């Protein structure tokens, strides 16, 4: 949390995440710290998804008010609770106090749990009778 990604120049500032195959995404978490970063803290973020740079579609816009800590951004496409995409873009549209540059301390991308659930016994040498 002591380090951060920093942009400079004109807004919007873009973080582009490309996947090798179409990937399911259910949430994005961004760690920011308004107390440390002040005018470098994002105040409005756009989340976009698509196959490549030329077909990105805006999924949602998130407004942040002096955020400190993890900000959860659920991803929805209509009534669907996750999306499948090759590319995700996080665009910082504006910063607090009309700042030009941006700090983001961490970004986490979460995928929904898919497939079968396996019992814990398959992963350890224990049985339920010994517990």
C-alpha atoms as a PDB file:
ATOM      1  CA  UNK A   1       0.000   0.000   0.000  1.00  0.00           C
ATOM      2  CA  UNK A   2       3.073   2.254   0.198  1.00  0.00           C
ATOM      3  CA  UNK A   3       3.534   2.295  -3.577  1.00  0.00           C
ATOM      4  CA  UNK A   4       1.134   3.385  -6.295  1.00  0.00           C
ATOM      5  CA  UNK A   5       0.531   3.635 -10.016  1.00  0.00           C
ATOM      6  CA  UNK A   6       0.835   7.267 -11.056  1.00  0.00           C
ATOM      7  CA  UNK A   7      -0.286   8.921 -14.240  1.00  0.00           C
ATOM      8  CA  UNK A   8       0.571  12.303 -15.620  1.00  0.00           C
ATOM      9  CA  UNK A   9      -0.694  14.490 -18.411  1.00  0.00           C
ATOM     10  CA  UNK A  10      -4.200  15.080 -19.670  1.00  0.00           C
ATOM     11  CA  UNK A  11      -7.286  13.321 -18.324  1.00  0.00           C
ATOM     12  CA  UNK A  12      -8.631  10.697 -18.758  1.00  0.00           C
ATOM     13  CA  UNK A  13      -5.919   8.405 -17.382  1.00  0.00           C
ATOM     14  CA  UNK A  14      -6.283   4.807 -18.576  1.00  0.00           C
ATOM     15  CA  UNK A  15      -5.401   1.441 -17.084  1.00  0.00           C
ATOM     16  CA  UNK A  16      -5.797  -1.224 -19.776  1.00  0.00           C
ATOM     17  CA  UNK A  17      -5.959  -4.888 -18.786  1.00  0.00           C
ATOM     18  CA  UNK A  18      -5.835  -7.476 -21.565  1.00  0.00           C
ATOM     19  CA  UNK A  19      -6.522 -11.184 -21.036  1.00  0.00           C
ATOM     20  CA  UNK A  20      -5.159 -14.047 -23.166  1.00  0.00           C
ATOM     21  CA  UNK A  21      -8.617 -15.576 -23.383  1.00  0.00           C
ATOM     22  CA  UNK A  22     -12.147 -14.366 -22.759  1.00  0.00           C
ATOM     23  CA  UNK A  23     -12.367 -13.979 -18.982  1.00  0.00           C
ATOM     24  CA  UNK A  24     -15.288 -13.673 -16.579  1.00  0.00           C
ATOM     25  CA  UNK A  25     -15.161 -10.659 -14.280  1.00  0.00           C
ATOM     26  CA  UNK A  26     -17.566  -9.996 -11.414  1.00  0.00           C
ATOM     27  CA  UNK A  27     -15.894  -7.197  -9.427  1.00  0.00           C
ATOM     28  CA  UNK A  28     -13.069  -4.702  -9.531  1.00  0.00           C
ATOM     29  CA  UNK A  29     -11.455  -3.404  -6.353  1.00  0.00           C
ATOM     30  CA  UNK A  30      -9.384  -0.224  -6.320  1.00  0.00           C
ATOM     31  CA  UNK A  31      -7.348   0.853  -3.305  1.00  0.00           C
ATOM     32  CA  UNK A  32      -7.045   4.609  -2.888  1.00  0.00           C
ATOM     33  CA  UNK A  33      -6.068   6.822   0.028  1.00  0.00           C
ATOM     34  CA  UNK A  34      -7.473  10.337  -0.046  1.00  0.00           C
ATOM     35  CA  UNK A  35      -5.677  11.286   3.189  1.00  0.00           C
ATOM     36  CA  UNK A  36      -2.273  10.637   1.588  1.00  0.00           C
ATOM     37  CA  UNK A  37      -2.974  11.477  -2.056  1.00  0.00           C
ATOM     38  CA  UNK A  38      -5.480  14.357  -1.867  1.00  0.00           C
ATOM     39  CA  UNK A  39      -5.787  15.870  -5.377  1.00  0.00           C
ATOM     40  CA  UNK A  40      -4.254  12.710  -6.898  1.00  0.00           C
ATOM     41  CA  UNK A  41      -7.255  10.642  -5.731  1.00  0.00           C
ATOM     42  CA  UNK A  42      -9.787   9.674  -8.448  1.00  0.00           C
ATOM     43  CA  UNK A  43     -13.259  11.126  -8.005  1.00  0.00           C
ATOM     44  CA  UNK A  44     -14.928   9.682 -11.128  1.00  0.00           C
ATOM     45  CA  UNK A  45     -14.020   6.385 -12.802  1.00  0.00           C
ATOM     46  CA  UNK A  46     -15.415   4.779 -15.951  1.00  0.00           C
ATOM     47  CA  UNK A  47     -15.316   0.982 -16.350  1.00  0.00           C
ATOM     48  CA  UNK A  48     -15.200  -0.245 -19.958  1.00  0.00           C
ATOM     49  CA  UNK A  49     -14.977  -3.708 -21.528  1.00  0.00           C
ATOM     50  CA  UNK A  50     -14.604  -5.203 -24.992  1.00  0.00           C
ATOM     51  CA  UNK A  51     -12.519  -7.378 -27.289  1.00  0.00           C
ATOM     52  CA  UNK A  52      -9.907  -4.698 -28.092  1.00  0.00           C
ATOM     53  CA  UNK A  53      -9.300  -0.931 -27.900  1.00  0.00           C
ATOM     54  CA  UNK A  54     -11.670  -0.116 -30.768  1.00  0.00           C
ATOM     55  CA  UNK A  55     -14.843  -1.734 -29.401  1.00  0.00           C
ATOM     56  CA  UNK A  56     -14.798  -0.857 -25.694  1.00  0.00           C
ATOM     57  CA  UNK A  57     -18.259  -0.280 -24.212  1.00  0.00           C
ATOM     58  CA  UNK A  58     -18.812   1.700 -21.034  1.00  0.00           C
ATOM     59  CA  UNK A  59     -20.347  -0.525 -18.352  1.00  0.00           C
ATOM     60  CA  UNK A  60     -20.673   2.046 -15.605  1.00  0.00           C
ATOM     61  CA  UNK A  61     -19.405   5.270 -14.095  1.00  0.00           C
ATOM     62  CA  UNK A  62     -18.488   5.351 -10.408  1.00  0.00           C
ATOM     63  CA  UNK A  63     -18.305   8.542  -8.342  1.00  0.00           C
ATOM     64  CA  UNK A  64     -15.970   8.472  -5.325  1.00  0.00           C
ATOM     65  CA  UNK A  65     -16.040  10.889  -2.400  1.00  0.00           C
ATOM     66  CA  UNK A  66     -12.720  11.086  -0.547  1.00  0.00           C
ATOM     67  CA  UNK A  67     -12.194   7.283  -0.607  1.00  0.00           C
ATOM     68  CA  UNK A  68      -9.732   5.664   1.773  1.00  0.00           C
ATOM     69  CA  UNK A  69      -9.260   1.907   1.438  1.00  0.00           C
ATOM     70  CA  UNK A  70     -10.725  -0.632  -0.945  1.00  0.00           C
ATOM     71  CA  UNK A  71     -13.532   0.521  -3.224  1.00  0.00           C
ATOM     72  CA  UNK A  72     -15.608  -2.377  -4.620  1.00  0.00           C
ATOM     73  CA  UNK A  73     -17.053  -1.899  -8.097  1.00  0.00           C
ATOM     74  CA  UNK A  74     -19.510  -4.679  -9.008  1.00  0.00           C
ATOM     75  CA  UNK A  75     -19.603  -5.440 -12.714  1.00  0.00           C
ATOM     76  CA  UNK A  76     -23.000  -5.918 -14.299  1.00  0.00           C
ATOM     77  CA  UNK A  77     -24.174  -6.163 -17.865  1.00  0.00           C
ATOM     78  CA  UNK A  78     -27.915  -5.679 -17.680  1.00  0.00           C
ATOM     79  CA  UNK A  79     -29.249  -8.299 -15.269  1.00  0.00           C
ATOM     80  CA  UNK A  80     -26.135 -10.497 -15.554  1.00  0.00           C
ATOM     81  CA  UNK A  81     -23.881 -10.344 -12.458  1.00  0.00           C
ATOM     82  CA  UNK A  82     -20.616 -10.729 -14.384  1.00  0.00           C
ATOM     83  CA  UNK A  83     -19.201 -10.152 -17.844  1.00  0.00           C
ATOM     84  CA  UNK A  84     -16.908 -12.098 -20.151  1.00  0.00           C
ATOM     85  CA  UNK A  85     -14.302  -9.982 -21.893  1.00  0.00           C
ATOM     86  CA  UNK A  86     -10.858  -9.913 -23.492  1.00  0.00           C
ATOM     87  CA  UNK A  87     -10.109  -6.372 -22.367  1.00  0.00           C
ATOM     88  CA  UNK A  88     -10.974  -4.223 -19.391  1.00  0.00           C
ATOM     89  CA  UNK A  89     -10.282  -0.501 -19.139  1.00  0.00           C
ATOM     90  CA  UNK A  90     -10.364   1.612 -15.986  1.00  0.00           C
ATOM     91  CA  UNK A  91     -10.535   5.272 -16.984  1.00  0.00           C
ATOM     92  CA  UNK A  92     -10.015   8.026 -14.413  1.00  0.00           C
ATOM     93  CA  UNK A  93     -12.229  10.824 -15.684  1.00  0.00           C
ATOM     94  CA  UNK A  94     -11.631  13.310 -12.861  1.00  0.00           C
ATOM     95  CA  UNK A  95      -9.758  13.697  -9.585  1.00  0.00           C
ATOM     96  CA  UNK A  96     -10.542  15.369  -6.290  1.00  0.00           C
ATOM     97  CA  UNK A  97      -9.734  19.094  -6.040  1.00  0.00           C
ATOM     98  CA  UNK A  98      -9.489  19.238  -9.872  1.00  0.00           C
ATOM     99  CA  UNK A  99      -6.173  17.366  -9.755  1.00  0.00           C
ATOM    100  CA  UNK A 100      -4.530  16.447 -13.058  1.00  0.00           C
ATOM    101  CA  UNK A 101      -2.439  13.411 -12.093  1.00  0.00           C
ATOM    102  CA  UNK A 102      -3.733  10.212 -10.486  1.00  0.00           C
ATOM    103  CA  UNK A 103      -2.593   7.717  -7.851  1.00  0.00           C
ATOM    104  CA  UNK A 104      -4.065   4.223  -7.577  1.00  0.00           C
ATOM    105  CA  UNK A 105      -2.396   2.114  -4.913  1.00  0.00           C
ATOM    106  CA  UNK A 106      -3.749  -1.287  -5.961  1.00  0.00           C
ATOM    107  CA  UNK A 107      -6.203  -2.821  -8.404  1.00  0.00           C
ATOM    108  CA  UNK A 108      -7.735  -6.285  -7.996  1.00  0.00           C
ATOM    109  CA  UNK A 109      -9.909  -8.057 -10.555  1.00  0.00           C
ATOM    110  CA  UNK A 110     -12.244 -10.773  -9.231  1.00  0.00           C
ATOM    111  CA  UNK A 111     -13.857 -13.545 -11.248  1.00  0.00           C
ATOM    112  CA  UNK A 112     -16.982 -15.475 -10.226  1.00  0.00           C
ATOM    113  CA  UNK A 113     -16.491 -19.043  -8.997  1.00  0.00           C
ATOM    114  CA  UNK A 114     -17.344 -21.338 -11.883  1.00  0.00           C
ATOM    115  CA  UNK A 115     -17.549 -25.068 -12.364  1.00  0.00           C
ATOM    116  CA  UNK A 116     -17.916 -27.840  -9.841  1.00  0.00           C
ATOM    117  CA  UNK A 117     -17.244 -27.560  -6.143  1.00  0.00           C
ATOM    118  CA  UNK A 118     -14.837 -30.171  -4.833  1.00  0.00           C
ATOM    119  CA  UNK A 119     -14.907 -31.557  -1.289  1.00  0.00           C
ATOM    120  CA  UNK A 120     -11.960 -30.623   0.911  1.00  0.00           C
ATOM    121  CA  UNK A 121     -11.086 -34.311   1.350  1.00  0.00           C
ATOM    122  CA  UNK A 122      -9.720 -34.337  -2.206  1.00  0.00           C
ATOM    123  CA  UNK A 123      -7.056 -31.754  -1.287  1.00  0.00           C
ATOM    124  CA  UNK A 124      -5.807 -33.120   2.046  1.00  0.00           C
ATOM    125  CA  UNK A 125      -5.141 -36.432   3.704  1.00  0.00           C
ATOM    126  CA  UNK A 126      -7.961 -36.134   6.245  1.00  0.00           C
ATOM    127  CA  UNK A 127     -11.349 -37.652   6.663  1.00  0.00           C
ATOM    128  CA  UNK A 128     -14.442 -36.130   8.177  1.00  0.00           C
ATOM    129  CA  UNK A 129     -14.505 -38.894  10.803  1.00  0.00           C
ATOM    130  CA  UNK A 130     -11.201 -37.743  12.315  1.00  0.00           C
ATOM    131  CA  UNK A 131     -12.408 -34.202  12.884  1.00  0.00           C
END
